[in-house]
PDB file of N, CA and C in Angstrom:
ATOM      1  N   MET A   1     100.103 104.592 110.640  1.00  0.00           N
ATOM      2  CA  MET A   1     101.183 105.438 110.173  1.00  0.00           C
ATOM      3  C   MET A   1     101.091 106.785 110.886  1.00  0.00           C
ATOM      4  N   PRO A   2     102.200 107.253 111.440  1.00  0.00           N
ATOM      5  CA  PRO A   2     102.172 108.538 112.144  1.00  0.00           C
ATOM      6  C   PRO A   2     101.975 109.698 111.184  1.00  0.00           C
ATOM      7  N   THR A   3     101.365 110.748 111.695  1.00  0.00           N
ATOM      8  CA  THR A   3     101.141 111.938 110.879  1.00  0.00           C
ATOM      9  C   THR A   3     102.407 112.794 110.853  1.00  0.00           C
ATOM     10  N   ILE A   4     102.414 113.764 109.981  1.00  0.00           N
ATOM     11  CA  ILE A   4     103.553 114.661 109.866  1.00  0.00           C
ATOM     12  C   ILE A   4     103.754 115.433 111.172  1.00  0.00           C
ATOM     13  N   PHE A   5     102.660 115.752 111.854  1.00  0.00           N
ATOM     14  CA  PHE A   5     102.759 116.485 113.117  1.00  0.00           C
ATOM     15  C   PHE A   5     103.401 115.624 114.204  1.00  0.00           C
ATOM     16  N   ASP A   6     103.055 114.324 114.222  1.00  0.00           N
ATOM     17  CA  ASP A   6     103.666 113.401 115.181  1.00  0.00           C
ATOM     18  C   ASP A   6     105.165 113.265 114.929  1.00  0.00           C
ATOM     19  N   LEU A   7     105.530 113.107 113.666  1.00  0.00           N
ATOM     20  CA  LEU A   7     106.938 112.952 113.313  1.00  0.00           C
ATOM     21  C   LEU A   7     107.740 114.197 113.673  1.00  0.00           C
ATOM     22  N   ARG A   8     107.179 115.363 113.385  1.00  0.00           N
ATOM     23  CA  ARG A   8     107.889 116.604 113.719  1.00  0.00           C
ATOM     24  C   ARG A   8     107.998 116.800 115.227  1.00  0.00           C
ATOM     25  N   ALA A   9     106.971 116.406 115.971  1.00  0.00           N
ATOM     26  CA  ALA A   9     107.023 116.516 117.436  1.00  0.00           C
ATOM     27  C   ALA A   9     108.119 115.608 117.993  1.00  0.00           C
ATOM     28  N   ARG A  10     108.215 114.391 117.453  1.00  0.00           N
ATOM     29  CA  ARG A  10     109.274 113.472 117.882  1.00  0.00           C
ATOM     30  C   ARG A  10     110.648 114.049 117.570  1.00  0.00           C
ATOM     31  N   ARG A  11     110.789 114.594 116.364  1.00  0.00           N
ATOM     32  CA  ARG A  11     112.076 115.149 115.958  1.00  0.00           C
ATOM     33  C   ARG A  11     112.452 116.351 116.816  1.00  0.00           C
ATOM     34  N   ASP A  12     111.487 117.203 117.103  1.00  0.00           N
ATOM     35  CA  ASP A  12     111.761 118.370 117.941  1.00  0.00           C
ATOM     36  C   ASP A  12     112.189 117.951 119.346  1.00  0.00           C
ATOM     37  N   ALA A  13     111.499 116.964 119.918  1.00  0.00           N
ATOM     38  CA  ALA A  13     111.839 116.479 121.255  1.00  0.00           C
ATOM     39  C   ALA A  13     113.232 115.863 121.266  1.00  0.00           C
ATOM     40  N   LEU A  14     113.532 115.070 120.267  1.00  0.00           N
ATOM     41  CA  LEU A  14     114.840 114.414 120.188  1.00  0.00           C
ATOM     42  C   LEU A  14     115.954 115.435 119.979  1.00  0.00           C
ATOM     43  N   SER A  15     115.715 116.409 119.129  1.00  0.00           N
ATOM     44  CA  SER A  15     116.710 117.443 118.865  1.00  0.00           C
ATOM     45  C   SER A  15     116.971 118.288 120.107  1.00  0.00           C
ATOM     46  N   ALA A  16     115.925 118.628 120.843  1.00  0.00           N
ATOM     47  CA  ALA A  16     116.078 119.429 122.058  1.00  0.00           C
ATOM     48  C   ALA A  16     116.886 118.676 123.109  1.00  0.00           C
ATOM     49  N   GLN A  17     116.612 117.391 123.272  1.00  0.00           N
ATOM     50  CA  GLN A  17     117.342 116.606 124.254  1.00  0.00           C
ATOM     51  C   GLN A  17     118.791 116.411 123.828  1.00  0.00           C
ATOM     52  N   ARG A  18     119.029 116.254 122.544  1.00  0.00           N
ATOM     53  CA  ARG A  18     120.394 116.070 122.058  1.00  0.00           C
ATOM     54  C   ARG A  18     121.222 117.315 122.346  1.00  0.00           C
ATOM     55  N   SER A  19     120.656 118.481 122.107  1.00  0.00           N
ATOM     56  CA  SER A  19     121.406 119.715 122.332  1.00  0.00           C
ATOM     57  C   SER A  19     121.642 119.975 123.812  1.00  0.00           C
ATOM     58  N   SER A  20     120.805 119.413 124.679  1.00  0.00           N
ATOM     59  CA  SER A  20     121.003 119.600 126.114  1.00  0.00           C
ATOM     60  C   SER A  20     121.919 118.534 126.710  1.00  0.00           C
ATOM     61  N   GLY A  21     122.263 117.507 125.926  1.00  0.00           N
ATOM     62  CA  GLY A  21     123.174 116.470 126.395  1.00  0.00           C
ATOM     63  C   GLY A  21     122.500 115.344 127.146  1.00  0.00           C
ATOM     64  N   VAL A  22     121.175 115.292 127.133  1.00  0.00           N
ATOM     65  CA  VAL A  22     120.434 114.251 127.835  1.00  0.00           C
ATOM     66  C   VAL A  22     120.120 113.117 126.868  1.00  0.00           C
ATOM     67  N   ALA A  23     120.328 111.880 127.309  1.00  0.00           N
ATOM     68  CA  ALA A  23     120.133 110.730 126.424  1.00  0.00           C
ATOM     69  C   ALA A  23     118.768 110.082 126.607  1.00  0.00           C
ATOM     70  N   ARG A  24     117.892 110.660 127.405  1.00  0.00           N
ATOM     71  CA  ARG A  24     116.541 110.133 127.594  1.00  0.00           C
ATOM     72  C   ARG A  24     115.551 111.116 126.984  1.00  0.00           C
ATOM     73  N   VAL A  25     114.691 110.611 126.114  1.00  0.00           N
ATOM     74  CA  VAL A  25     113.731 111.456 125.412  1.00  0.00           C
ATOM     75  C   VAL A  25     112.325 110.955 125.706  1.00  0.00           C
ATOM     76  N   SER A  26     111.439 111.881 126.066  1.00  0.00           N
ATOM     77  CA  SER A  26     110.039 111.545 126.320  1.00  0.00           C
ATOM     78  C   SER A  26     109.158 112.342 125.372  1.00  0.00           C
ATOM     79  N   TYR A  27     108.247 111.651 124.710  1.00  0.00           N
ATOM     80  CA  TYR A  27     107.273 112.291 123.842  1.00  0.00           C
ATOM     81  C   TYR A  27     106.084 111.372 123.703  1.00  0.00           C
ATOM     82  N   ASP A  28     104.932 111.949 123.599  1.00  0.00           N
ATOM     83  CA  ASP A  28     103.700 111.200 123.352  1.00  0.00           C
ATOM     84  C   ASP A  28     103.501 110.084 124.375  1.00  0.00           C
ATOM     85  N   GLY A  29     103.888 110.335 125.635  1.00  0.00           N
ATOM     86  CA  GLY A  29     103.696 109.341 126.691  1.00  0.00           C
ATOM     87  C   GLY A  29     104.692 108.200 126.676  1.00  0.00           C
ATOM     88  N   LYS A  30     105.733 108.289 125.850  1.00  0.00           N
ATOM     89  CA  LYS A  30     106.740 107.233 125.753  1.00  0.00           C
ATOM     90  C   LYS A  30     108.101 107.806 126.129  1.00  0.00           C
ATOM     91  N   THR A  31     108.960 106.949 126.682  1.00  0.00           N
ATOM     92  CA  THR A  31     110.317 107.356 127.026  1.00  0.00           C
ATOM     93  C   THR A  31     111.297 106.411 126.356  1.00  0.00           C
ATOM     94  N   VAL A  32     112.318 106.987 125.723  1.00  0.00           N
ATOM     95  CA  VAL A  32     113.337 106.202 125.035  1.00  0.00           C
ATOM     96  C   VAL A  32     114.701 106.624 125.574  1.00  0.00           C
ATOM     97  N   ASP A  33     115.529 105.628 125.938  1.00  0.00           N
ATOM     98  CA  ASP A  33     116.899 105.889 126.379  1.00  0.00           C
ATOM     99  C   ASP A  33     117.854 105.564 125.243  1.00  0.00           C
ATOM    100  N   TYR A  34     118.732 106.514 124.931  1.00  0.00           N
ATOM    101  CA  TYR A  34     119.738 106.315 123.885  1.00  0.00           C
ATOM    102  C   TYR A  34     121.096 106.109 124.540  1.00  0.00           C
ATOM    103  N   ARG A  35     121.935 105.289 123.937  1.00  0.00           N
ATOM    104  CA  ARG A  35     123.237 104.962 124.507  1.00  0.00           C
ATOM    105  C   ARG A  35     124.324 105.957 124.148  1.00  0.00           C
ATOM    106  N   SER A  36     124.164 106.654 123.029  1.00  0.00           N
ATOM    107  CA  SER A  36     125.218 107.570 122.598  1.00  0.00           C
ATOM    108  C   SER A  36     124.627 108.670 121.725  1.00  0.00           C
ATOM    109  N   VAL A  37     125.444 109.690 121.499  1.00  0.00           N
ATOM    110  CA  VAL A  37     125.042 110.788 120.619  1.00  0.00           C
ATOM    111  C   VAL A  37     124.900 110.278 119.188  1.00  0.00           C
ATOM    112  N   ALA A  38     125.745 109.328 118.805  1.00  0.00           N
ATOM    113  CA  ALA A  38     125.659 108.757 117.453  1.00  0.00           C
ATOM    114  C   ALA A  38     124.316 108.062 117.246  1.00  0.00           C
ATOM    115  N   GLU A  39     123.828 107.393 118.274  1.00  0.00           N
ATOM    116  CA  GLU A  39     122.526 106.724 118.166  1.00  0.00           C
ATOM    117  C   GLU A  39     121.402 107.748 118.033  1.00  0.00           C
ATOM    118  N   ILE A  40     121.518 108.865 118.742  1.00  0.00           N
ATOM    119  CA  ILE A  40     120.531 109.939 118.616  1.00  0.00           C
ATOM    120  C   ILE A  40     120.584 110.528 117.209  1.00  0.00           C
ATOM    121  N   ASP A  41     121.794 110.720 116.687  1.00  0.00           N
ATOM    122  CA  ASP A  41     121.932 111.245 115.324  1.00  0.00           C
ATOM    123  C   ASP A  41     121.295 110.320 114.294  1.00  0.00           C
ATOM    124  N   ARG A  42     121.473 109.014 114.457  1.00  0.00           N
ATOM    125  CA  ARG A  42     120.842 108.055 113.528  1.00  0.00           C
ATOM    126  C   ARG A  42     119.324 108.117 113.639  1.00  0.00           C
ATOM    127  N   ALA A  43     118.809 108.294 114.850  1.00  0.00           N
ATOM    128  CA  ALA A  43     117.361 108.415 115.022  1.00  0.00           C
ATOM    129  C   ALA A  43     116.845 109.691 114.365  1.00  0.00           C
ATOM    130  N   LEU A  44     117.598 110.778 114.486  1.00  0.00           N
ATOM    131  CA  LEU A  44     117.212 112.028 113.823  1.00  0.00           C
ATOM    132  C   LEU A  44     117.205 111.871 112.304  1.00  0.00           C
ATOM    133  N   GLU A  45     118.209 111.197 111.772  1.00  0.00           N
ATOM    134  CA  GLU A  45     118.265 110.960 110.323  1.00  0.00           C
ATOM    135  C   GLU A  45     117.083 110.117 109.853  1.00  0.00           C
ATOM    136  N   ALA A  46     116.732 109.108 110.634  1.00  0.00           N
ATOM    137  CA  ALA A  46     115.592 108.257 110.281  1.00  0.00           C
ATOM    138  C   ALA A  46     114.297 109.069 110.300  1.00  0.00           C
ATOM    139  N   LEU A  47     114.141 109.922 111.286  1.00  0.00           N
ATOM    140  CA  LEU A  47     112.953 110.775 111.330  1.00  0.00           C
ATOM    141  C   LEU A  47     112.925 111.752 110.160  1.00  0.00           C
ATOM    142  N   ASP A  48     114.083 112.293 109.802  1.00  0.00           N
ATOM    143  CA  ASP A  48     114.141 113.182 108.636  1.00  0.00           C
ATOM    144  C   ASP A  48     113.703 112.459 107.365  1.00  0.00           C
ATOM    145  N   ARG A  49     114.123 111.200 107.217  1.00  0.00           N
ATOM    146  CA  ARG A  49     113.716 110.418 106.039  1.00  0.00           C
ATOM    147  C   ARG A  49     112.214 110.162 106.052  1.00  0.00           C
ATOM    148  N   GLU A  50     111.655 109.841 107.223  1.00  0.00           N
ATOM    149  CA  GLU A  50     110.206 109.605 107.311  1.00  0.00           C
ATOM    150  C   GLU A  50     109.429 110.873 106.996  1.00  0.00           C
ATOM    151  N   ILE A  51     109.879 111.997 107.523  1.00  0.00           N
ATOM    152  CA  ILE A  51     109.208 113.274 107.251  1.00  0.00           C
ATOM    153  C   ILE A  51     109.263 113.600 105.765  1.00  0.00           C
ATOM    154  N   ALA A  52     110.409 113.398 105.157  1.00  0.00           N
ATOM    155  CA  ALA A  52     110.547 113.656 103.718  1.00  0.00           C
ATOM    156  C   ALA A  52     109.617 112.758 102.910  1.00  0.00           C
ATOM    157  N   ALA A  53     109.498 111.490 103.305  1.00  0.00           N
ATOM    158  CA  ALA A  53     108.622 110.564 102.584  1.00  0.00           C
ATOM    159  C   ALA A  53     107.165 110.991 102.696  1.00  0.00           C
ATOM    160  N   VAL A  54     106.755 111.421 103.878  1.00  0.00           N
ATOM    161  CA  VAL A  54     105.366 111.859 104.071  1.00  0.00           C
ATOM    162  C   VAL A  54     105.092 113.126 103.267  1.00  0.00           C
ATOM    163  N   GLU A  55     106.087 114.010 103.190  1.00  0.00           N
ATOM    164  CA  GLU A  55     105.924 115.254 102.433  1.00  0.00           C
ATOM    165  C   GLU A  55     106.088 115.056 100.934  1.00  0.00           C
ATOM    166  N   GLY A  56     106.510 113.864 100.508  1.00  0.00           N
ATOM    167  CA  GLY A  56     106.647 113.577  99.094  1.00  0.00           C
ATOM    168  C   GLY A  56     107.909 114.128  98.464  1.00  0.00           C
ATOM    169  N   ARG A  57     108.948 114.288  99.259  1.00  0.00           N
ATOM    170  CA  ARG A  57     110.210 114.771  98.698  1.00  0.00           C
ATOM    171  C   ARG A  57     111.312 113.769  99.007  1.00  0.00           C
ATOM    172  N   ARG A  58     112.407 113.897  98.282  1.00  0.00           N
ATOM    173  CA  ARG A  58     113.544 113.000  98.484  1.00  0.00           C
ATOM    174  C   ARG A  58     114.629 113.722  99.250  1.00  0.00           C
ATOM    175  N   MET A  59     115.398 112.964  99.999  1.00  0.00           N
ATOM    176  CA  MET A  59     116.523 113.537 100.723  1.00  0.00           C
ATOM    177  C   MET A  59     117.801 113.291  99.949  1.00  0.00           C
ATOM    178  N   VAL A  60     118.674 114.263  99.954  1.00  0.00           N
ATOM    179  CA  VAL A  60     119.984 114.107  99.342  1.00  0.00           C
ATOM    180  C   VAL A  60     120.874 113.398 100.354  1.00  0.00           C
ATOM    181  N   ARG A  61     121.385 112.243  99.976  1.00  0.00           N
ATOM    182  CA  ARG A  61     122.191 111.465 100.909  1.00  0.00           C
ATOM    183  C   ARG A  61     123.668 111.794 100.810  1.00  0.00           C
ATOM    184  N   HIS A  62     124.178 111.950  99.604  1.00  0.00           N
ATOM    185  CA  HIS A  62     125.595 112.179  99.405  1.00  0.00           C
ATOM    186  C   HIS A  62     125.801 113.309  98.418  1.00  0.00           C
ATOM    187  N   ILE A  63     126.820 114.062  98.676  1.00  0.00           N
ATOM    188  CA  ILE A  63     127.245 115.083  97.726  1.00  0.00           C
ATOM    189  C   ILE A  63     128.628 114.696  97.259  1.00  0.00           C
ATOM    190  N   ARG A  64     128.790 114.504  95.994  1.00  0.00           N
ATOM    191  CA  ARG A  64     130.051 114.061  95.443  1.00  0.00           C
ATOM    192  C   ARG A  64     130.917 115.261  95.098  1.00  0.00           C
ATOM    193  N   VAL A  65     132.123 115.288  95.630  1.00  0.00           N
ATOM    194  CA  VAL A  65     133.061 116.372  95.377  1.00  0.00           C
ATOM    195  C   VAL A  65     134.289 115.779  94.701  1.00  0.00           C
ATOM    196  N   THR A  66     134.677 116.375  93.600  1.00  0.00           N
ATOM    197  CA  THR A  66     135.894 115.923  92.921  1.00  0.00           C
ATOM    198  C   THR A  66     136.846 117.094  92.810  1.00  0.00           C
ATOM    199  N   THR A  67     138.112 116.828  92.961  1.00  0.00           N
ATOM    200  CA  THR A  67     139.119 117.869  92.826  1.00  0.00           C
ATOM    201  C   THR A  67     140.236 117.353  91.937  1.00  0.00           C
ATOM    202  N   THR A  68     140.941 118.277  91.343  1.00  0.00           N
ATOM    203  CA  THR A  68     142.115 117.914  90.535  1.00  0.00           C
ATOM    204  C   THR A  68     143.220 118.896  90.832  1.00  0.00           C
ATOM    205  N   LYS A  69     144.410 118.437  90.652  1.00  0.00           N
ATOM    206  CA  LYS A  69     145.552 119.327  90.806  1.00  0.00           C
ATOM    207  C   LYS A  69     145.712 120.123  89.510  1.00  0.00           C
ATOM    208  N   GLY A  70     146.356 121.250  89.635  1.00  0.00           N
ATOM    209  CA  GLY A  70     146.605 122.060  88.444  1.00  0.00           C
ATOM    210  C   GLY A  70     147.517 121.342  87.479  1.00  0.00           C
ATOM    211  N   LEU A  71     147.423 121.675  86.219  1.00  0.00           N
ATOM    212  CA  LEU A  71     148.240 121.012  85.202  1.00  0.00           C
ATOM    213  C   LEU A  71     149.621 121.529  85.137  1.00  0.00           C
TER     214      LEU A  71
END
């Protein structure tokens, strides 16, 4: 099981590459090619969930918003 430091290093590397527009990410001696920004976003979300699990906290997945018209 990866440590919290490994997970954060992966997330930082992936986030940096996403913001630069590059779809190839290298970390810890490994290289991963992503096909789209959406795939990178899903990988970031998965890493966020793993980090939260290691830290013992839960992630909020959905925020429910309700609206009504005036009476």
